Amino acid sequence: MLKAEVRAVNEDEKQKNRAKKIDKLISQWRRAVQAAIQISRKDRKLSQAAVAERMAWTPDIMGNVEKGRREITVAEFIVLAKQMGLDPEVMFRRVLEL
């Protein structure tokens, strides 16, 4: 019975470690998305307010997206890229480069 308990504890630790790694990857992805949005907006010389208006968002929402306080969906990301005059693929590549 002791061996089974040790195995169960080891499996639990492995699952916790996997979960931590996944959380770290998600966090890195979110930061890269935020940075790509902000960099792309600034490259296009657009204000947060201008992009927010194009997205039918408030400027606060746009600011929260760039600061990571509000997540966006993939669909929103694609529309956002298009509203900034960019090919969504270019925006995705920028995320991957960061």
Protein backbone atom coordinates (compact mmCIF):
# COMPACT_ATOMS: atom_id res chain seq x y z
CA MET A 1 0.00 0.00 0.00
CA LEU A 2 2.88 2.36 0.73
CA LYS A 3 4.24 2.07 -2.83
CA ALA A 4 0.84 2.97 -4.26
CA GLU A 5 0.66 6.05 -2.03
CA VAL A 6 4.16 7.15 -3.09
CA ARG A 7 3.20 6.70 -6.75
CA ALA A 8 0.05 8.74 -6.20
CA VAL A 9 2.06 11.55 -4.58
CA ASN A 10 4.59 11.48 -7.43
CA GLU A 11 1.82 11.65 -10.03
CA ASP A 12 0.23 14.55 -8.16
CA GLU A 13 3.56 16.41 -8.17
CA LYS A 14 3.99 15.77 -11.89
CA GLN A 15 0.53 17.15 -12.58
CA LYS A 16 1.25 20.24 -10.48
CA ASN A 17 4.52 20.82 -12.35
CA ARG A 18 2.78 20.44 -15.72
CA ALA A 19 0.11 22.90 -14.62
CA LYS A 20 2.78 25.41 -13.58
CA LYS A 21 4.53 25.08 -16.94
CA ILE A 22 1.27 25.56 -18.80
CA ASP A 23 0.41 28.62 -16.70
CA LYS A 24 3.84 30.08 -17.47
CA LEU A 25 3.41 29.51 -21.22
CA ILE A 26 -0.04 31.09 -21.17
CA SER A 27 1.31 34.09 -19.30
CA GLN A 28 4.16 34.48 -21.81
CA TRP A 29 1.69 34.24 -24.70
CA ARG A 30 -0.58 36.89 -23.17
CA ARG A 31 2.34 39.29 -22.67
CA ALA A 32 3.46 38.76 -26.26
CA VAL A 33 -0.07 39.45 -27.55
CA GLN A 34 -0.27 42.65 -25.48
CA ALA A 35 3.12 43.82 -26.69
CA ALA A 36 2.33 43.01 -30.33
CA ILE A 37 -0.88 45.03 -30.14
CA GLN A 38 0.81 48.01 -28.54
CA ILE A 39 3.84 47.94 -30.86
CA SER A 40 1.65 47.57 -33.94
CA ARG A 41 -0.60 50.43 -32.85
CA LYS A 42 2.35 52.71 -32.23
CA ASP A 43 4.02 51.70 -35.50
CA ARG A 44 0.84 52.78 -37.29
CA LYS A 45 0.90 56.05 -35.26
CA LEU A 46 -2.57 55.37 -33.90
CA SER A 47 -3.79 56.44 -30.49
CA GLN A 48 -5.54 54.04 -28.17
CA ALA A 49 -8.65 56.19 -28.55
CA ALA A 50 -8.55 55.93 -32.35
CA VAL A 51 -8.22 52.15 -32.29
CA ALA A 52 -10.87 51.86 -29.60
CA GLU A 53 -13.29 53.87 -31.74
CA ARG A 54 -12.65 51.60 -34.73
CA MET A 55 -13.33 48.58 -32.52
CA ALA A 56 -16.46 50.15 -30.94
CA TRP A 57 -14.67 49.97 -27.60
CA THR A 58 -14.06 52.64 -25.01
CA PRO A 59 -10.50 53.93 -24.70
CA ASP A 60 -10.41 52.24 -21.27
CA ILE A 61 -11.04 48.86 -22.87
CA MET A 62 -8.20 49.41 -25.32
CA GLY A 63 -5.89 50.45 -22.51
CA ASN A 64 -6.89 47.40 -20.50
CA VAL A 65 -6.20 45.13 -23.48
CA GLU A 66 -2.69 46.57 -23.85
CA LYS A 67 -2.05 46.29 -20.11
CA GLY A 68 -3.33 42.73 -19.91
CA ARG A 69 -6.29 43.53 -17.70
CA ARG A 70 -8.66 42.38 -20.44
CA GLU A 71 -8.05 39.38 -22.64
CA ILE A 72 -9.20 39.31 -26.21
CA THR A 73 -10.39 36.43 -28.31
CA VAL A 74 -8.66 35.30 -31.47
CA ALA A 75 -11.57 36.78 -33.43
CA GLU A 76 -11.10 40.15 -31.69
CA PHE A 77 -7.37 39.96 -32.37
CA ILE A 78 -8.04 39.44 -36.09
CA VAL A 79 -10.54 42.31 -36.25
CA LEU A 80 -8.16 44.52 -34.27
CA ALA A 81 -5.36 43.86 -36.74
CA LYS A 82 -7.63 44.68 -39.66
CA GLN A 83 -8.88 47.85 -37.96
CA MET A 84 -5.27 48.97 -37.60
CA GLY A 85 -4.72 48.29 -41.30
CA LEU A 86 -2.61 45.20 -40.78
CA ASP A 87 -2.82 41.68 -42.09
CA PRO A 88 -3.74 39.48 -39.09
CA GLU A 89 -1.00 37.06 -40.11
CA VAL A 90 1.56 39.84 -39.68
CA MET A 91 0.22 40.49 -36.17
CA PHE A 92 0.40 36.78 -35.31
CA ARG A 93 3.98 36.63 -36.57
CA ARG A 94 4.82 39.61 -34.39
CA VAL A 95 3.42 37.77 -31.36
CA LEU A 96 5.56 34.75 -32.14
CA GLU A 97 8.67 36.90 -32.50
CA LEU A 98 8.26 38.50 -29.08
